[in-house]
Amino acid sequence: MRPEHTLLRIVRGKGGTVEAIEVADASRRVQRIATPRLVLACGAVETTRRPAGFTLDNTGLCQLD
């Protein structure tokens, strides 16, 4: 991840492996970043925080308003 970016989506490729992630920066620009590996570390700190202009959909993923 990059500073000041929010993870929006983990993109699956063939066989369900991780192919890329989609992130949004502070200006709400969405970028897709290819990744051969992904380490997902979660914690309770700031779990409810999301940038202005984003809402959670019914799957728990952030979506642009």
N, C-alpha and C. Protein backbone atom coordinates (compact mmCIF):
# COMPACT_ATOMS: atom_id res chain seq x y z
N MET A 1 0.84 -1.18 0.00
CA MET A 1 0.00 0.00 0.00
C MET A 1 0.88 1.23 0.00
N ARG A 2 0.26 2.29 -0.41
CA ARG A 2 0.94 3.58 -0.46
C ARG A 2 0.36 4.49 0.61
N PRO A 3 1.15 5.45 1.11
CA PRO A 3 0.60 6.38 2.09
C PRO A 3 -0.61 7.13 1.52
N GLU A 4 -1.59 7.41 2.37
CA GLU A 4 -2.79 8.16 2.00
C GLU A 4 -3.64 7.45 0.95
N HIS A 5 -3.59 6.14 0.87
CA HIS A 5 -4.42 5.35 -0.04
C HIS A 5 -5.31 4.41 0.77
N THR A 6 -6.47 4.13 0.23
CA THR A 6 -7.43 3.22 0.86
C THR A 6 -7.67 2.04 -0.06
N LEU A 7 -7.58 0.84 0.49
CA LEU A 7 -7.85 -0.36 -0.30
C LEU A 7 -9.33 -0.45 -0.58
N LEU A 8 -9.70 -0.57 -1.86
CA LEU A 8 -11.09 -0.70 -2.26
C LEU A 8 -11.48 -2.13 -2.55
N ARG A 9 -10.58 -2.86 -3.22
CA ARG A 9 -10.95 -4.19 -3.70
C ARG A 9 -9.71 -5.04 -3.94
N ILE A 10 -9.83 -6.32 -3.65
CA ILE A 10 -8.81 -7.30 -3.99
C ILE A 10 -9.31 -8.00 -5.25
N VAL A 11 -8.53 -7.95 -6.31
CA VAL A 11 -8.93 -8.51 -7.61
C VAL A 11 -8.39 -9.93 -7.73
N ARG A 12 -9.29 -10.87 -7.97
CA ARG A 12 -8.88 -12.27 -8.13
C ARG A 12 -8.64 -12.59 -9.59
N GLY A 13 -7.65 -13.43 -9.82
CA GLY A 13 -7.34 -13.89 -11.18
C GLY A 13 -7.80 -15.32 -11.35
N LYS A 14 -7.19 -16.01 -12.29
CA LYS A 14 -7.52 -17.41 -12.55
C LYS A 14 -7.27 -18.26 -11.32
N GLY A 15 -8.18 -19.17 -11.05
CA GLY A 15 -8.02 -20.06 -9.91
C GLY A 15 -8.22 -19.40 -8.57
N GLY A 16 -8.69 -18.15 -8.56
CA GLY A 16 -8.94 -17.46 -7.30
C GLY A 16 -7.73 -16.83 -6.66
N THR A 17 -6.58 -16.84 -7.35
CA THR A 17 -5.39 -16.21 -6.78
C THR A 17 -5.49 -14.69 -6.90
N VAL A 18 -4.77 -13.99 -6.05
CA VAL A 18 -4.77 -12.53 -6.09
C VAL A 18 -3.99 -12.05 -7.30
N GLU A 19 -4.59 -11.18 -8.07
CA GLU A 19 -3.97 -10.63 -9.27
C GLU A 19 -3.56 -9.18 -9.07
N ALA A 20 -4.39 -8.41 -8.36
CA ALA A 20 -4.14 -6.99 -8.17
C ALA A 20 -4.98 -6.47 -7.01
N ILE A 21 -4.71 -5.22 -6.63
CA ILE A 21 -5.57 -4.52 -5.68
C ILE A 21 -6.00 -3.20 -6.32
N GLU A 22 -7.15 -2.71 -5.93
CA GLU A 22 -7.61 -1.40 -6.36
C GLU A 22 -7.60 -0.50 -5.14
N VAL A 23 -6.97 0.66 -5.30
CA VAL A 23 -6.85 1.62 -4.20
C VAL A 23 -7.32 2.99 -4.67
N ALA A 24 -7.68 3.83 -3.71
CA ALA A 24 -8.05 5.21 -4.01
C ALA A 24 -7.17 6.13 -3.19
N ASP A 25 -6.73 7.22 -3.81
CA ASP A 25 -5.92 8.19 -3.08
C ASP A 25 -6.83 9.24 -2.46
N ALA A 26 -6.24 10.22 -1.79
CA ALA A 26 -7.00 11.26 -1.10
C ALA A 26 -7.86 12.08 -2.06
N SER A 27 -7.51 12.12 -3.33
CA SER A 27 -8.29 12.85 -4.34
C SER A 27 -9.34 11.97 -5.00
N ARG A 28 -9.54 10.75 -4.48
CA ARG A 28 -10.53 9.79 -4.97
C ARG A 28 -10.19 9.21 -6.34
N ARG A 29 -8.93 9.30 -6.74
CA ARG A 29 -8.50 8.65 -7.98
C ARG A 29 -8.26 7.19 -7.69
N VAL A 30 -8.86 6.32 -8.50
CA VAL A 30 -8.73 4.88 -8.30
C VAL A 30 -7.63 4.34 -9.19
N GLN A 31 -6.77 3.50 -8.61
CA GLN A 31 -5.67 2.89 -9.35
C GLN A 31 -5.70 1.39 -9.12
N ARG A 32 -5.33 0.62 -10.12
CA ARG A 32 -5.18 -0.83 -9.98
C ARG A 32 -3.69 -1.12 -9.93
N ILE A 33 -3.27 -1.85 -8.91
CA ILE A 33 -1.86 -2.18 -8.73
C ILE A 33 -1.72 -3.70 -8.79
N ALA A 34 -0.98 -4.19 -9.80
CA ALA A 34 -0.73 -5.62 -9.93
C ALA A 34 0.16 -6.07 -8.78
N THR A 35 -0.12 -7.27 -8.26
CA THR A 35 0.67 -7.77 -7.15
C THR A 35 0.83 -9.29 -7.25
N PRO A 36 2.06 -9.79 -7.20
CA PRO A 36 2.25 -11.24 -7.22
C PRO A 36 1.92 -11.89 -5.88
N ARG A 37 1.96 -11.11 -4.80
CA ARG A 37 1.67 -11.59 -3.45
C ARG A 37 0.94 -10.51 -2.69
N LEU A 38 0.12 -10.93 -1.74
CA LEU A 38 -0.60 -9.97 -0.91
C LEU A 38 -0.60 -10.45 0.53
N VAL A 39 -0.17 -9.58 1.43
CA VAL A 39 -0.24 -9.85 2.85
C VAL A 39 -1.33 -8.94 3.40
N LEU A 40 -2.38 -9.54 3.93
CA LEU A 40 -3.49 -8.78 4.46
C LEU A 40 -3.40 -8.79 5.98
N ALA A 41 -3.10 -7.64 6.56
CA ALA A 41 -2.99 -7.51 8.01
C ALA A 41 -4.13 -6.62 8.49
N CYS A 42 -4.90 -7.13 9.42
CA CYS A 42 -6.07 -6.40 9.90
C CYS A 42 -5.93 -6.13 11.39
N GLY A 43 -6.54 -5.03 11.80
CA GLY A 43 -6.55 -4.69 13.21
C GLY A 43 -7.78 -3.88 13.53
N ALA A 44 -8.05 -3.71 14.81
CA ALA A 44 -9.24 -2.99 15.24
C ALA A 44 -9.08 -1.48 15.18
N VAL A 45 -7.87 -0.98 15.09
CA VAL A 45 -7.65 0.46 15.07
C VAL A 45 -8.12 1.03 13.74
N GLU A 46 -8.98 2.02 13.79
CA GLU A 46 -9.50 2.75 12.63
C GLU A 46 -10.27 1.87 11.66
N THR A 47 -10.89 0.80 12.11
CA THR A 47 -11.61 -0.07 11.19
C THR A 47 -12.85 0.60 10.61
N THR A 48 -13.41 1.58 11.28
CA THR A 48 -14.61 2.23 10.76
C THR A 48 -14.28 3.47 9.94
N ARG A 49 -13.03 3.85 9.86
CA ARG A 49 -12.66 5.05 9.11
C ARG A 49 -12.73 4.77 7.62
N ARG A 50 -13.26 5.72 6.88
CA ARG A 50 -13.23 5.66 5.42
C ARG A 50 -13.21 7.10 4.92
N PRO A 51 -12.63 7.33 3.76
CA PRO A 51 -12.53 8.70 3.25
C PRO A 51 -13.89 9.26 2.87
N ALA A 52 -14.01 10.57 2.93
CA ALA A 52 -15.25 11.23 2.51
C ALA A 52 -15.53 10.89 1.05
N GLY A 53 -16.79 10.64 0.74
CA GLY A 53 -17.16 10.31 -0.63
C GLY A 53 -17.20 8.82 -0.91
N PHE A 54 -16.91 8.01 0.09
CA PHE A 54 -16.95 6.56 -0.07
C PHE A 54 -17.98 5.98 0.89
N THR A 55 -18.67 4.96 0.46
CA THR A 55 -19.59 4.23 1.32
C THR A 55 -19.28 2.75 1.21
N LEU A 56 -19.74 1.98 2.18
CA LEU A 56 -19.56 0.54 2.15
C LEU A 56 -20.75 -0.09 1.47
N ASP A 57 -20.51 -1.02 0.55
CA ASP A 57 -21.63 -1.72 -0.09
C ASP A 57 -21.99 -2.94 0.76
N ASN A 58 -22.94 -3.75 0.30
CA ASN A 58 -23.41 -4.87 1.10
C ASN A 58 -22.39 -5.99 1.26
N THR A 59 -21.27 -5.92 0.56
CA THR A 59 -20.21 -6.91 0.75
C THR A 59 -19.12 -6.41 1.69
N GLY A 60 -19.25 -5.15 2.14
CA GLY A 60 -18.24 -4.56 3.02
C GLY A 60 -17.12 -3.87 2.29
N LEU A 61 -17.22 -3.76 0.96
CA LEU A 61 -16.19 -3.07 0.17
C LEU A 61 -16.56 -1.61 0.00
N CYS A 62 -15.56 -0.75 -0.08
CA CYS A 62 -15.80 0.67 -0.30
C CYS A 62 -16.20 0.92 -1.75
N GLN A 63 -17.14 1.79 -1.94
CA GLN A 63 -17.59 2.19 -3.27
C GLN A 63 -17.60 3.71 -3.34
N LEU A 64 -17.30 4.27 -4.51
CA LEU A 64 -17.40 5.72 -4.69
C LEU A 64 -18.85 6.14 -4.60
N ASP A 65 -19.12 7.25 -3.92
CA ASP A 65 -20.48 7.79 -3.87
C ASP A 65 -20.88 8.39 -5.19
